[in-house]
Amino acid sequence: MGTAEIADRLGVTPARVNQITDSVKLGFPRPLARLRMGQVWLAADVEMWIREHRPALAEDAETD
């Protein structure tokens, strides 16, 4: 996932995603790679972070 996909997933702006991913204390996973277009993360890592830090946004939250 790139910054735009994470922004969509969290319902925030790409600038806010950059703040979240840059903050050590928020514990966001390290990117898988840093490309010319930006950083990319494993979707599974992002989804795990969402379950831990934004449980209302977890993909399985609607089915519980």
C-alpha atoms as a PDB file:
ATOM      1  CA  MET A   1       0.000   0.000   0.000  1.00  0.00           C
ATOM      2  CA  GLY A   2       1.118   3.504  -0.736  1.00  0.00           C
ATOM      3  CA  THR A   3       0.315   6.728   1.055  1.00  0.00           C
ATOM      4  CA  ALA A   4      -2.825   7.350  -1.020  1.00  0.00           C
ATOM      5  CA  GLU A   5      -4.257   3.901  -0.254  1.00  0.00           C
ATOM      6  CA  ILE A   6      -3.527   4.274   3.450  1.00  0.00           C
ATOM      7  CA  ALA A   7      -5.156   7.721   3.418  1.00  0.00           C
ATOM      8  CA  ASP A   8      -8.281   6.230   1.841  1.00  0.00           C
ATOM      9  CA  ARG A   9      -8.290   3.383   4.340  1.00  0.00           C
ATOM     10  CA  LEU A  10      -7.974   5.730   7.342  1.00  0.00           C
ATOM     11  CA  GLY A  11     -10.167   8.500   5.949  1.00  0.00           C
ATOM     12  CA  VAL A  12      -7.423  11.096   6.311  1.00  0.00           C
ATOM     13  CA  THR A  13      -5.285  13.194   3.991  1.00  0.00           C
ATOM     14  CA  PRO A  14      -1.976  11.971   2.573  1.00  0.00           C
ATOM     15  CA  ALA A  15      -0.276  14.661   4.668  1.00  0.00           C
ATOM     16  CA  ARG A  16      -1.775  13.115   7.819  1.00  0.00           C
ATOM     17  CA  VAL A  17      -0.572   9.671   6.691  1.00  0.00           C
ATOM     18  CA  ASN A  18       2.941  11.096   6.470  1.00  0.00           C
ATOM     19  CA  GLN A  19       2.622  12.403  10.031  1.00  0.00           C
ATOM     20  CA  ILE A  20       1.403   9.020  11.269  1.00  0.00           C
ATOM     21  CA  THR A  21       4.067   7.014   9.442  1.00  0.00           C
ATOM     22  CA  ASP A  22       6.857   9.368  10.515  1.00  0.00           C
ATOM     23  CA  SER A  23       5.896   9.324  14.206  1.00  0.00           C
ATOM     24  CA  VAL A  24       7.891   6.759  16.155  1.00  0.00           C
ATOM     25  CA  LYS A  25       5.477   6.847  19.095  1.00  0.00           C
ATOM     26  CA  LEU A  26       2.491   5.824  16.930  1.00  0.00           C
ATOM     27  CA  GLY A  27       4.227   2.554  16.088  1.00  0.00           C
ATOM     28  CA  PHE A  28       3.371   2.445  12.395  1.00  0.00           C
ATOM     29  CA  PRO A  29       5.142  -0.440  10.636  1.00  0.00           C
ATOM     30  CA  ARG A  30       8.301   0.228   8.675  1.00  0.00           C
ATOM     31  CA  PRO A  31       7.819   0.511   4.920  1.00  0.00           C
ATOM     32  CA  LEU A  32       8.601  -2.504   2.786  1.00  0.00           C
ATOM     33  CA  ALA A  33      10.395  -0.310   0.257  1.00  0.00           C
ATOM     34  CA  ARG A  34      11.172   3.289  -0.558  1.00  0.00           C
ATOM     35  CA  LEU A  35      10.555   3.933  -4.232  1.00  0.00           C
ATOM     36  CA  ARG A  36      10.812   7.080  -6.319  1.00  0.00           C
ATOM     37  CA  MET A  37       7.048   7.484  -6.003  1.00  0.00           C
ATOM     38  CA  GLY A  38       7.240   7.139  -2.227  1.00  0.00           C
ATOM     39  CA  GLN A  39       7.159   4.501   0.440  1.00  0.00           C
ATOM     40  CA  VAL A  40       5.122   1.297   0.246  1.00  0.00           C
ATOM     41  CA  TRP A  41       3.915  -0.991   3.025  1.00  0.00           C
ATOM     42  CA  LEU A  42       2.619  -4.526   3.150  1.00  0.00           C
ATOM     43  CA  ALA A  43      -1.179  -4.354   3.300  1.00  0.00           C
ATOM     44  CA  ALA A  44      -1.192  -7.002   6.046  1.00  0.00           C
ATOM     45  CA  ASP A  45       1.092  -4.837   8.214  1.00  0.00           C
ATOM     46  CA  VAL A  46      -1.114  -1.783   7.685  1.00  0.00           C
ATOM     47  CA  GLU A  47      -4.279  -3.757   8.475  1.00  0.00           C
ATOM     48  CA  MET A  48      -2.681  -5.097  11.680  1.00  0.00           C
ATOM     49  CA  TRP A  49      -1.810  -1.538  12.732  1.00  0.00           C
ATOM     50  CA  ILE A  50      -5.376  -0.436  11.988  1.00  0.00           C
ATOM     51  CA  ARG A  51      -6.795  -3.286  14.119  1.00  0.00           C
ATOM     52  CA  GLU A  52      -4.549  -2.255  17.018  1.00  0.00           C
ATOM     53  CA  HIS A  53      -4.749   1.543  16.738  1.00  0.00           C
ATOM     54  CA  ARG A  54      -8.012   2.279  14.878  1.00  0.00           C
ATOM     55  CA  PRO A  55     -10.252  -0.725  15.666  1.00  0.00           C
ATOM     56  CA  ALA A  56     -13.416   1.006  14.435  1.00  0.00           C
ATOM     57  CA  LEU A  57     -11.843   1.040  10.953  1.00  0.00           C
ATOM     58  CA  ALA A  58     -10.792  -2.614  10.956  1.00  0.00           C
ATOM     59  CA  GLU A  59     -12.166  -4.508   7.975  1.00  0.00           C
ATOM     60  CA  ASP A  60     -13.841  -7.079  10.199  1.00  0.00           C
ATOM     61  CA  ALA A  61     -15.356  -4.475  12.556  1.00  0.00           C
ATOM     62  CA  GLU A  62     -18.634  -4.421  10.601  1.00  0.00           C
ATOM     63  CA  THR A  63     -19.103  -8.185  10.920  1.00  0.00           C
ATOM     64  CA  ASP A  64     -18.579  -8.368  14.700  1.00  0.00           C
END
